[in-house]
Amino acid sequence: MEKEATYICDKCKENADASENKSKNYEWVFLLESSFLCAKCSKDFHIGFRVTDKIPLIDALKNTEQELVAKPNENVNADEGSRTEHKIQERKPIELKEKPHKCDACLRIFKTKTGLRSHKKVHDEKNPFRCEVCHLQCTSKADYNEHLNKHSKERRYKCSFCISTYKLKKNLRSHMTIHDDKNPLRCEFCKKNFATKQALECHMTSHSNERRYKCGQCSSKFKTNASLIMHKYVHKKQNPYRCKECNKNCSSKTNLKRHMASHSDVRPYKCHICSSSYKAKSNLTIHMKKKHQEDSLK
């Protein structure tokens, strides 16, 4: 006899009582192209657990005996069509009903009354799951603990295929699409995979020479809006990326670190072919292309 299974997200599993965990079998499940519906919180999830009841040994033996007794008395030819049809009906996907449960405060709609009841905690002034750092209100202890990862430097969600690590599980889930051979978010020019549509669109600008994002304070132009936003730090009076040696404004922490090398005599980037060395990695790259790549073509 096949065990009836339900599916729950890992957050609901973490909140489950110890006594409940002892009576259940948990099997880890993972889907990229589609999702599961959590039987407890009614939320869609990609990474979670398949849950079945643990059958006591005595009951398991009884079920086995009943199946063995029933089999010899079965009429294999008589009602085979109806039995096959019954199996097909059992395997039909369950259609989800409309979401009739609406929040009076923000008009959000939920699939179940339980989901709505959980959401209403967000509007409760006495909500115990309020973040003390950014004052965001969470609906459950699991959501609250997951949110706190944003304010932490720890990256406990690790990719099993590469060295990437993330603070949040949803970021790992998004990243996992990069390792999917059927990933629709793939660059047509260089075949590089991306986790989000926004990341792919941003990348596509690297294959274009168009610079449509213009700075309103100088003549600088950029391929992406993100680059323009980063550049605007240069014009800020309280720029955190200002060089203490020459007061030059940099647009990012990386650029400031690269600039600081100009005030040092250290040349950590050395050519493995000749004795040349450089302060910046970009200068070594230019050297390799111009000097040794051209030499190899001669």
C-alpha atoms as a PDB file:
ATOM      1  CA  MET A   1       0.000   0.000   0.000  1.00  0.00           C
ATOM      2  CA  GLU A   2       1.464   3.342  -1.091  1.00  0.00           C
ATOM      3  CA  LYS A   3       1.751   5.967   1.630  1.00  0.00           C
ATOM      4  CA  GLU A   4      -0.264   9.167   1.230  1.00  0.00           C
ATOM      5  CA  ALA A   5       2.185  12.035   0.897  1.00  0.00           C
ATOM      6  CA  THR A   6       2.001  15.761   1.504  1.00  0.00           C
ATOM      7  CA  TYR A   7       4.597  18.423   0.788  1.00  0.00           C
ATOM      8  CA  ILE A   8       5.821  21.108   3.176  1.00  0.00           C
ATOM      9  CA  CYS A   9       8.437  23.853   2.966  1.00  0.00           C
ATOM     10  CA  ASP A  10      11.513  23.692   5.169  1.00  0.00           C
ATOM     11  CA  LYS A  11      10.314  26.646   7.258  1.00  0.00           C
ATOM     12  CA  CYS A  12       7.224  24.725   8.364  1.00  0.00           C
ATOM     13  CA  LYS A  13       9.380  21.676   9.074  1.00  0.00           C
ATOM     14  CA  GLU A  14      11.626  23.761  11.342  1.00  0.00           C
ATOM     15  CA  ASN A  15       8.560  24.972  13.261  1.00  0.00           C
ATOM     16  CA  ALA A  16       7.065  21.474  13.615  1.00  0.00           C
ATOM     17  CA  ASP A  17       6.909  19.887  17.083  1.00  0.00           C
ATOM     18  CA  ALA A  18       9.466  17.213  17.954  1.00  0.00           C
ATOM     19  CA  SER A  19       6.647  14.701  18.562  1.00  0.00           C
ATOM     20  CA  GLU A  20       5.270  15.371  15.082  1.00  0.00           C
ATOM     21  CA  ASN A  21       8.689  14.861  13.481  1.00  0.00           C
ATOM     22  CA  LYS A  22       9.024  11.473  15.169  1.00  0.00           C
ATOM     23  CA  SER A  23       5.792  10.221  13.591  1.00  0.00           C
ATOM     24  CA  LYS A  24       6.680  11.391  10.058  1.00  0.00           C
ATOM     25  CA  ASN A  25       9.090  10.409   7.312  1.00  0.00           C
ATOM     26  CA  TYR A  26      10.742  13.397   5.608  1.00  0.00           C
ATOM     27  CA  GLU A  27      12.217  13.090   2.131  1.00  0.00           C
ATOM     28  CA  TRP A  28      14.087  16.077   0.671  1.00  0.00           C
ATOM     29  CA  VAL A  29      12.622  17.288  -2.669  1.00  0.00           C
ATOM     30  CA  PHE A  30      13.770  19.898  -5.173  1.00  0.00           C
ATOM     31  CA  LEU A  31      12.139  21.371  -8.321  1.00  0.00           C
ATOM     32  CA  LEU A  32      13.414  24.094 -10.655  1.00  0.00           C
ATOM     33  CA  GLU A  33      10.834  24.351 -13.459  1.00  0.00           C
ATOM     34  CA  SER A  34       7.740  24.037 -11.245  1.00  0.00           C
ATOM     35  CA  SER A  35       6.941  24.305  -7.535  1.00  0.00           C
ATOM     36  CA  PHE A  36       5.213  22.516  -4.659  1.00  0.00           C
ATOM     37  CA  LEU A  37       2.357  23.881  -2.546  1.00  0.00           C
ATOM     38  CA  CYS A  38       3.037  23.730   1.189  1.00  0.00           C
ATOM     39  CA  ALA A  39       0.275  21.829   3.019  1.00  0.00           C
ATOM     40  CA  LYS A  40       0.743  23.979   6.140  1.00  0.00           C
ATOM     41  CA  CYS A  41       1.322  27.599   5.075  1.00  0.00           C
ATOM     42  CA  SER A  42      -0.098  27.300   1.521  1.00  0.00           C
ATOM     43  CA  LYS A  43       2.984  28.988   0.030  1.00  0.00           C
ATOM     44  CA  ASP A  44       4.710  27.838  -3.169  1.00  0.00           C
ATOM     45  CA  PHE A  45       8.222  26.477  -2.696  1.00  0.00           C
ATOM     46  CA  HIS A  46      10.975  24.823  -4.751  1.00  0.00           C
ATOM     47  CA  ILE A  47      13.054  23.244  -1.984  1.00  0.00           C
ATOM     48  CA  GLY A  48      11.323  21.344   0.809  1.00  0.00           C
ATOM     49  CA  PHE A  49      10.139  17.940   2.010  1.00  0.00           C
ATOM     50  CA  ARG A  50       7.817  15.106   0.991  1.00  0.00           C
ATOM     51  CA  VAL A  51       6.035  13.952   4.163  1.00  0.00           C
ATOM     52  CA  THR A  52       4.538  10.527   4.862  1.00  0.00           C
ATOM     53  CA  ASP A  53       3.305   8.893   8.074  1.00  0.00           C
ATOM     54  CA  LYS A  54       5.491   6.290   9.704  1.00  0.00           C
ATOM     55  CA  ILE A  55       3.609   2.990   9.657  1.00  0.00           C
ATOM     56  CA  PRO A  56       4.052   0.859  12.813  1.00  0.00           C
ATOM     57  CA  LEU A  57       5.626  -2.540  12.171  1.00  0.00           C
ATOM     58  CA  ILE A  58       2.449  -4.447  13.233  1.00  0.00           C
ATOM     59  CA  ASP A  59       0.222  -2.416  10.872  1.00  0.00           C
ATOM     60  CA  ALA A  60       2.713  -2.830   8.059  1.00  0.00           C
ATOM     61  CA  LEU A  61       2.609  -6.630   8.472  1.00  0.00           C
ATOM     62  CA  LYS A  62      -1.217  -6.610   8.530  1.00  0.00           C
ATOM     63  CA  ASN A  63      -1.346  -4.573   5.301  1.00  0.00           C
ATOM     64  CA  THR A  64       1.044  -6.987   3.627  1.00  0.00           C
ATOM     65  CA  GLU A  65      -1.066 -10.002   4.691  1.00  0.00           C
ATOM     66  CA  GLN A  66      -4.286  -8.377   3.435  1.00  0.00           C
ATOM     67  CA  GLU A  67      -2.736  -7.657   0.040  1.00  0.00           C
ATOM     68  CA  LEU A  68      -1.477 -11.253  -0.262  1.00  0.00           C
ATOM     69  CA  VAL A  69      -4.956 -12.649   0.590  1.00  0.00           C
ATOM     70  CA  ALA A  70      -6.724 -10.316  -1.827  1.00  0.00           C
ATOM     71  CA  LYS A  71      -4.565 -11.074  -4.861  1.00  0.00           C
ATOM     72  CA  PRO A  72      -5.636 -14.727  -5.531  1.00  0.00           C
ATOM     73  CA  ASN A  73      -9.360 -13.746  -5.497  1.00  0.00           C
ATOM     74  CA  GLU A  74      -8.933 -10.921  -8.034  1.00  0.00           C
ATOM     75  CA  ASN A  75     -10.580 -11.394 -11.418  1.00  0.00           C
ATOM     76  CA  VAL A  76      -7.857 -10.056 -13.689  1.00  0.00           C
ATOM     77  CA  ASN A  77      -9.911  -9.904 -16.919  1.00  0.00           C
ATOM     78  CA  ALA A  78     -13.368  -9.029 -15.628  1.00  0.00           C
ATOM     79  CA  ASP A  79     -13.068  -5.441 -14.498  1.00  0.00           C
ATOM     80  CA  GLU A  80      -9.650  -4.402 -15.757  1.00  0.00           C
ATOM     81  CA  GLY A  81     -10.921  -1.418 -17.736  1.00  0.00           C
ATOM     82  CA  SER A  82     -12.725   0.109 -14.759  1.00  0.00           C
ATOM     83  CA  ARG A  83      -9.710  -0.481 -12.461  1.00  0.00           C
ATOM     84  CA  THR A  84      -7.396   1.221 -14.956  1.00  0.00           C
ATOM     85  CA  GLU A  85      -9.788   4.156 -15.238  1.00  0.00           C
ATOM     86  CA  HIS A  86      -9.919   4.437 -11.450  1.00  0.00           C
ATOM     87  CA  LYS A  87      -6.102   4.640 -11.278  1.00  0.00           C
ATOM     88  CA  ILE A  88      -6.047   7.386 -13.922  1.00  0.00           C
ATOM     89  CA  GLN A  89      -8.619   9.395 -11.972  1.00  0.00           C
ATOM     90  CA  GLU A  90      -6.524   9.108  -8.831  1.00  0.00           C
ATOM     91  CA  ARG A  91      -3.475  10.524 -10.581  1.00  0.00           C
ATOM     92  CA  LYS A  92      -5.232  13.561 -12.048  1.00  0.00           C
ATOM     93  CA  PRO A  93      -3.734  16.829 -10.755  1.00  0.00           C
ATOM     94  CA  ILE A  94      -5.812  18.660  -8.186  1.00  0.00           C
ATOM     95  CA  GLU A  95      -7.060  21.961  -9.565  1.00  0.00           C
ATOM     96  CA  LEU A  96      -6.456  24.901  -7.263  1.00  0.00           C
ATOM     97  CA  LYS A  97      -9.548  26.896  -6.329  1.00  0.00           C
ATOM     98  CA  GLU A  98      -9.763  30.668  -6.595  1.00  0.00           C
ATOM     99  CA  LYS A  99      -8.304  32.749  -3.756  1.00  0.00           C
ATOM    100  CA  PRO A 100     -11.355  34.083  -1.876  1.00  0.00           C
ATOM    101  CA  HIS A 101      -9.557  35.188   1.305  1.00  0.00           C
ATOM    102  CA  LYS A 102      -8.790  38.923   1.132  1.00  0.00           C
ATOM    103  CA  CYS A 103      -6.931  41.081   3.657  1.00  0.00           C
ATOM    104  CA  ASP A 104      -8.969  44.111   4.755  1.00  0.00           C
ATOM    105  CA  ALA A 105      -5.857  46.206   5.436  1.00  0.00           C
ATOM    106  CA  CYS A 106      -3.841  45.810   2.204  1.00  0.00           C
ATOM    107  CA  LEU A 107      -6.302  43.902  -0.056  1.00  0.00           C
ATOM    108  CA  ARG A 108      -3.878  41.012  -0.640  1.00  0.00           C
ATOM    109  CA  ILE A 109      -5.600  37.733  -1.563  1.00  0.00           C
ATOM    110  CA  PHE A 110      -4.731  34.299  -0.161  1.00  0.00           C
ATOM    111  CA  LYS A 111      -5.544  30.709  -1.093  1.00  0.00           C
ATOM    112  CA  THR A 112      -6.579  29.667   2.415  1.00  0.00           C
ATOM    113  CA  LYS A 113      -7.966  31.133   5.596  1.00  0.00           C
ATOM    114  CA  THR A 114      -4.814  29.955   7.396  1.00  0.00           C
ATOM    115  CA  GLY A 115      -2.629  31.921   4.965  1.00  0.00           C
ATOM    116  CA  LEU A 116      -4.709  35.065   5.544  1.00  0.00           C
ATOM    117  CA  ARG A 117      -4.598  34.621   9.333  1.00  0.00           C
ATOM    118  CA  SER A 118      -0.807  34.267   9.213  1.00  0.00           C
ATOM    119  CA  HIS A 119      -0.462  37.364   6.989  1.00  0.00           C
ATOM    120  CA  LYS A 120      -2.545  39.568   9.309  1.00  0.00           C
ATOM    121  CA  LYS A 121       0.278  39.454  11.876  1.00  0.00           C
ATOM    122  CA  VAL A 122       2.115  41.917   9.603  1.00  0.00           C
ATOM    123  CA  HIS A 123      -0.475  44.588  10.436  1.00  0.00           C
ATOM    124  CA  ASP A 124      -0.419  43.863  14.182  1.00  0.00           C
ATOM    125  CA  GLU A 125       1.394  46.575  16.163  1.00  0.00           C
ATOM    126  CA  LYS A 126       2.263  44.004  18.853  1.00  0.00           C
ATOM    127  CA  ASN A 127       3.759  41.602  16.326  1.00  0.00           C
ATOM    128  CA  PRO A 128       6.617  39.741  18.090  1.00  0.00           C
ATOM    129  CA  PHE A 129       8.337  39.080  14.751  1.00  0.00           C
ATOM    130  CA  ARG A 130       9.364  42.666  14.040  1.00  0.00           C
ATOM    131  CA  CYS A 131      12.962  43.259  12.918  1.00  0.00           C
ATOM    132  CA  GLU A 132      14.784  45.594  15.307  1.00  0.00           C
ATOM    133  CA  VAL A 133      17.245  46.627  12.579  1.00  0.00           C
ATOM    134  CA  CYS A 134      14.912  47.702   9.736  1.00  0.00           C
ATOM    135  CA  HIS A 135      11.501  47.365  11.486  1.00  0.00           C
ATOM    136  CA  LEU A 136      10.159  44.933   8.884  1.00  0.00           C
ATOM    137  CA  GLN A 137       7.261  42.863  10.244  1.00  0.00           C
ATOM    138  CA  CYS A 138       7.304  39.109   9.533  1.00  0.00           C
ATOM    139  CA  THR A 139       4.408  36.677   9.710  1.00  0.00           C
ATOM    140  CA  SER A 140       6.173  33.824  11.510  1.00  0.00           C
ATOM    141  CA  LYS A 141       9.263  32.909  13.504  1.00  0.00           C
ATOM    142  CA  ALA A 142      10.658  31.051  10.468  1.00  0.00           C
ATOM    143  CA  ASP A 143      10.221  34.119   8.215  1.00  0.00           C
ATOM    144  CA  TYR A 144      11.747  36.298  10.937  1.00  0.00           C
ATOM    145  CA  ASN A 145      14.827  34.070  11.274  1.00  0.00           C
ATOM    146  CA  GLU A 146      15.209  33.945   7.486  1.00  0.00           C
ATOM    147  CA  HIS A 147      14.968  37.752   7.293  1.00  0.00           C
ATOM    148  CA  LEU A 148      17.671  38.223   9.951  1.00  0.00           C
ATOM    149  CA  ASN A 149      20.134  36.566   7.552  1.00  0.00           C
ATOM    150  CA  LYS A 150      19.998  39.782   5.491  1.00  0.00           C
ATOM    151  CA  HIS A 151      21.643  41.668   8.325  1.00  0.00           C
ATOM    152  CA  SER A 152      24.262  38.986   8.902  1.00  0.00           C
ATOM    153  CA  LYS A 153      27.596  38.455   7.148  1.00  0.00           C
ATOM    154  CA  GLU A 154      27.204  34.688   7.325  1.00  0.00           C
ATOM    155  CA  ARG A 155      26.457  32.907   4.037  1.00  0.00           C
ATOM    156  CA  ARG A 156      25.120  29.517   5.099  1.00  0.00           C
ATOM    157  CA  TYR A 157      23.356  28.545   1.864  1.00  0.00           C
ATOM    158  CA  LYS A 158      25.991  26.890  -0.332  1.00  0.00           C
ATOM    159  CA  CYS A 159      25.641  25.720  -3.933  1.00  0.00           C
ATOM    160  CA  SER A 160      26.380  22.001  -4.348  1.00  0.00           C
ATOM    161  CA  PHE A 161      27.703  22.540  -7.893  1.00  0.00           C
ATOM    162  CA  CYS A 162      30.043  25.524  -7.448  1.00  0.00           C
ATOM    163  CA  ILE A 163      31.607  27.658  -4.694  1.00  0.00           C
ATOM    164  CA  SER A 164      28.803  30.268  -4.591  1.00  0.00           C
ATOM    165  CA  THR A 165      27.306  31.026  -1.168  1.00  0.00           C
ATOM    166  CA  TYR A 166      24.283  33.108  -0.175  1.00  0.00           C
ATOM    167  CA  LYS A 167      22.663  34.679   2.865  1.00  0.00           C
ATOM    168  CA  LEU A 168      19.127  33.771   1.795  1.00  0.00           C
ATOM    169  CA  LYS A 169      17.724  30.486   0.509  1.00  0.00           C
ATOM    170  CA  LYS A 170      15.692  32.251  -2.208  1.00  0.00           C
ATOM    171  CA  ASN A 171      18.963  33.617  -3.628  1.00  0.00           C
ATOM    172  CA  LEU A 172      20.429  30.113  -3.740  1.00  0.00           C
ATOM    173  CA  ARG A 173      17.246  28.851  -5.405  1.00  0.00           C
ATOM    174  CA  SER A 174      17.510  31.609  -8.013  1.00  0.00           C
ATOM    175  CA  HIS A 175      21.203  30.805  -8.547  1.00  0.00           C
ATOM    176  CA  MET A 176      20.485  27.079  -9.114  1.00  0.00           C
ATOM    177  CA  THR A 177      18.913  27.861 -12.516  1.00  0.00           C
ATOM    178  CA  ILE A 178      22.418  28.675 -13.780  1.00  0.00           C
ATOM    179  CA  HIS A 179      23.276  24.977 -13.557  1.00  0.00           C
ATOM    180  CA  ASP A 180      20.123  23.908 -15.423  1.00  0.00           C
ATOM    181  CA  ASP A 181      20.845  22.798 -19.015  1.00  0.00           C
ATOM    182  CA  LYS A 182      17.382  24.011 -20.069  1.00  0.00           C
ATOM    183  CA  ASN A 183      17.778  27.429 -18.483  1.00  0.00           C
ATOM    184  CA  PRO A 184      15.812  29.950 -20.610  1.00  0.00           C
ATOM    185  CA  LEU A 185      17.913  32.829 -19.230  1.00  0.00           C
ATOM    186  CA  ARG A 186      20.955  32.168 -21.410  1.00  0.00           C
ATOM    187  CA  CYS A 187      22.837  34.740 -23.483  1.00  0.00           C
ATOM    188  CA  GLU A 188      22.531  33.998 -27.210  1.00  0.00           C
ATOM    189  CA  PHE A 189      25.951  35.500 -27.910  1.00  0.00           C
ATOM    190  CA  CYS A 190      28.240  33.970 -25.298  1.00  0.00           C
ATOM    191  CA  LYS A 191      25.982  31.182 -23.883  1.00  0.00           C
ATOM    192  CA  LYS A 192      26.419  32.437 -20.313  1.00  0.00           C
ATOM    193  CA  ASN A 193      23.614  31.409 -17.907  1.00  0.00           C
ATOM    194  CA  PHE A 194      21.825  33.815 -15.570  1.00  0.00           C
ATOM    195  CA  ALA A 195      19.614  33.397 -12.544  1.00  0.00           C
ATOM    196  CA  THR A 196      17.199  36.276 -13.231  1.00  0.00           C
ATOM    197  CA  LYS A 197      15.737  38.117 -16.206  1.00  0.00           C
ATOM    198  CA  GLN A 198      17.157  41.399 -14.885  1.00  0.00           C
ATOM    199  CA  ALA A 199      20.677  39.940 -14.727  1.00  0.00           C
ATOM    200  CA  LEU A 200      20.406  38.712 -18.326  1.00  0.00           C
ATOM    201  CA  GLU A 201      19.130  42.089 -19.565  1.00  0.00           C
ATOM    202  CA  CYS A 202      21.967  43.846 -17.743  1.00  0.00           C
ATOM    203  CA  HIS A 203      24.499  41.441 -19.272  1.00  0.00           C
ATOM    204  CA  MET A 204      23.175  41.960 -22.824  1.00  0.00           C
ATOM    205  CA  THR A 205      24.351  45.574 -22.686  1.00  0.00           C
ATOM    206  CA  SER A 206      27.949  44.289 -22.570  1.00  0.00           C
ATOM    207  CA  HIS A 207      27.511  43.120 -26.181  1.00  0.00           C
ATOM    208  CA  SER A 208      26.438  46.614 -27.245  1.00  0.00           C
ATOM    209  CA  ASN A 209      28.391  49.856 -27.641  1.00  0.00           C
ATOM    210  CA  GLU A 210      25.369  52.002 -26.783  1.00  0.00           C
ATOM    211  CA  ARG A 211      25.721  54.120 -23.627  1.00  0.00           C
ATOM    212  CA  ARG A 212      22.246  55.526 -23.014  1.00  0.00           C
ATOM    213  CA  TYR A 213      22.607  56.328 -19.303  1.00  0.00           C
ATOM    214  CA  LYS A 214      24.016  59.873 -19.011  1.00  0.00           C
ATOM    215  CA  CYS A 215      25.243  61.643 -15.903  1.00  0.00           C
ATOM    216  CA  GLY A 216      23.449  64.942 -15.244  1.00  0.00           C
ATOM    217  CA  GLN A 217      26.520  66.518 -13.621  1.00  0.00           C
ATOM    218  CA  CYS A 218      29.278  65.611 -16.081  1.00  0.00           C
ATOM    219  CA  SER A 219      29.726  64.194 -19.582  1.00  0.00           C
ATOM    220  CA  SER A 220      30.089  60.560 -18.462  1.00  0.00           C
ATOM    221  CA  LYS A 221      27.888  57.926 -20.137  1.00  0.00           C
ATOM    222  CA  PHE A 222      27.225  54.323 -19.113  1.00  0.00           C
ATOM    223  CA  LYS A 223      25.798  51.117 -20.520  1.00  0.00           C
ATOM    224  CA  THR A 224      23.722  50.286 -17.434  1.00  0.00           C
ATOM    225  CA  ASN A 225      21.733  52.245 -14.882  1.00  0.00           C
ATOM    226  CA  ALA A 226      23.607  50.422 -12.097  1.00  0.00           C
ATOM    227  CA  SER A 227      26.908  51.823 -13.411  1.00  0.00           C
ATOM    228  CA  LEU A 228      25.433  55.336 -13.506  1.00  0.00           C
ATOM    229  CA  ILE A 229      24.188  55.047  -9.899  1.00  0.00           C
ATOM    230  CA  MET A 230      27.640  53.873  -8.803  1.00  0.00           C
ATOM    231  CA  HIS A 231      29.282  56.755 -10.695  1.00  0.00           C
ATOM    232  CA  LYS A 232      27.147  59.370  -8.918  1.00  0.00           C
ATOM    233  CA  TYR A 233      29.131  58.773  -5.716  1.00  0.00           C
ATOM    234  CA  VAL A 234      31.914  60.752  -7.421  1.00  0.00           C
ATOM    235  CA  HIS A 235      29.809  63.922  -7.167  1.00  0.00           C
ATOM    236  CA  LYS A 236      28.735  63.463  -3.535  1.00  0.00           C
ATOM    237  CA  LYS A 237      30.294  65.720  -0.880  1.00  0.00           C
ATOM    238  CA  GLN A 238      30.085  62.966   1.746  1.00  0.00           C
ATOM    239  CA  ASN A 239      31.340  60.226  -0.518  1.00  0.00           C
ATOM    240  CA  PRO A 240      32.435  57.188   1.572  1.00  0.00           C
ATOM    241  CA  TYR A 241      34.810  56.175  -1.244  1.00  0.00           C
ATOM    242  CA  ARG A 242      37.067  59.262  -1.116  1.00  0.00           C
ATOM    243  CA  CYS A 243      40.825  58.807  -1.088  1.00  0.00           C
ATOM    244  CA  LYS A 244      42.406  60.128   2.124  1.00  0.00           C
ATOM    245  CA  GLU A 245      45.715  60.746   0.355  1.00  0.00           C
ATOM    246  CA  CYS A 246      44.612  62.951  -2.552  1.00  0.00           C
ATOM    247  CA  ASN A 247      40.862  63.483  -1.904  1.00  0.00           C
ATOM    248  CA  LYS A 248      39.925  61.862  -5.202  1.00  0.00           C
ATOM    249  CA  ASN A 249      36.309  60.624  -5.290  1.00  0.00           C
ATOM    250  CA  CYS A 250      35.848  56.990  -6.315  1.00  0.00           C
ATOM    251  CA  SER A 251      32.580  55.322  -7.271  1.00  0.00           C
ATOM    252  CA  SER A 252      32.921  52.107  -5.267  1.00  0.00           C
ATOM    253  CA  LYS A 253      34.957  50.259  -2.651  1.00  0.00           C
ATOM    254  CA  THR A 254      36.647  48.253  -5.415  1.00  0.00           C
ATOM    255  CA  ASN A 255      37.606  51.364  -7.343  1.00  0.00           C
ATOM    256  CA  LEU A 256      38.957  53.017  -4.185  1.00  0.00           C
ATOM    257  CA  LYS A 257      41.091  49.953  -3.421  1.00  0.00           C
ATOM    258  CA  ARG A 258      42.390  49.988  -7.001  1.00  0.00           C
ATOM    259  CA  HIS A 259      43.141  53.709  -6.751  1.00  0.00           C
ATOM    260  CA  MET A 260      44.992  53.333  -3.431  1.00  0.00           C
ATOM    261  CA  ALA A 261      47.494  51.104  -5.216  1.00  0.00           C
ATOM    262  CA  SER A 262      48.672  54.211  -7.099  1.00  0.00           C
ATOM    263  CA  HIS A 263      49.976  55.612  -3.804  1.00  0.00           C
ATOM    264  CA  SER A 264      51.990  52.478  -3.120  1.00  0.00           C
ATOM    265  CA  ASP A 265      55.183  51.059  -4.654  1.00  0.00           C
ATOM    266  CA  VAL A 266      53.944  47.481  -4.318  1.00  0.00           C
ATOM    267  CA  ARG A 267      53.430  45.665  -7.642  1.00  0.00           C
ATOM    268  CA  PRO A 268      51.630  42.416  -6.781  1.00  0.00           C
ATOM    269  CA  TYR A 269      50.544  41.521 -10.339  1.00  0.00           C
ATOM    270  CA  LYS A 270      53.496  39.822 -12.063  1.00  0.00           C
ATOM    271  CA  CYS A 271      53.747  38.450 -15.586  1.00  0.00           C
ATOM    272  CA  HIS A 272      54.607  34.708 -15.618  1.00  0.00           C
ATOM    273  CA  ILE A 273      56.357  35.046 -19.012  1.00  0.00           C
ATOM    274  CA  CYS A 274      58.606  38.062 -18.488  1.00  0.00           C
ATOM    275  CA  SER A 275      59.768  40.122 -15.502  1.00  0.00           C
ATOM    276  CA  SER A 276      57.096  42.836 -15.827  1.00  0.00           C
ATOM    277  CA  SER A 277      54.947  43.623 -12.796  1.00  0.00           C
ATOM    278  CA  TYR A 278      52.042  45.994 -12.206  1.00  0.00           C
ATOM    279  CA  LYS A 279      50.092  47.700  -9.459  1.00  0.00           C
ATOM    280  CA  ALA A 280      46.718  46.923 -11.038  1.00  0.00           C
ATOM    281  CA  LYS A 281      45.407  43.647 -12.435  1.00  0.00           C
ATOM    282  CA  SER A 282      43.902  45.459 -15.421  1.00  0.00           C
ATOM    283  CA  ASN A 283      47.349  46.712 -16.448  1.00  0.00           C
ATOM    284  CA  LEU A 284      48.716  43.173 -16.342  1.00  0.00           C
ATOM    285  CA  THR A 285      45.832  42.016 -18.561  1.00  0.00           C
ATOM    286  CA  ILE A 286      46.580  44.772 -21.090  1.00  0.00           C
ATOM    287  CA  HIS A 287      50.264  43.810 -21.022  1.00  0.00           C
ATOM    288  CA  MET A 288      49.480  40.123 -21.676  1.00  0.00           C
ATOM    289  CA  LYS A 289      47.263  40.938 -24.640  1.00  0.00           C
ATOM    290  CA  LYS A 290      49.522  43.523 -26.253  1.00  0.00           C
ATOM    291  CA  LYS A 291      52.954  42.034 -25.601  1.00  0.00           C
ATOM    292  CA  HIS A 292      52.658  38.243 -25.483  1.00  0.00           C
ATOM    293  CA  GLN A 293      49.566  37.715 -27.611  1.00  0.00           C
ATOM    294  CA  GLU A 294      51.063  39.791 -30.441  1.00  0.00           C
ATOM    295  CA  ASP A 295      54.414  37.999 -30.051  1.00  0.00           C
ATOM    296  CA  SER A 296      52.757  34.607 -30.434  1.00  0.00           C
ATOM    297  CA  LEU A 297      51.111  35.722 -33.689  1.00  0.00           C
ATOM    298  CA  LYS A 298      54.411  36.843 -35.275  1.00  0.00           C
END
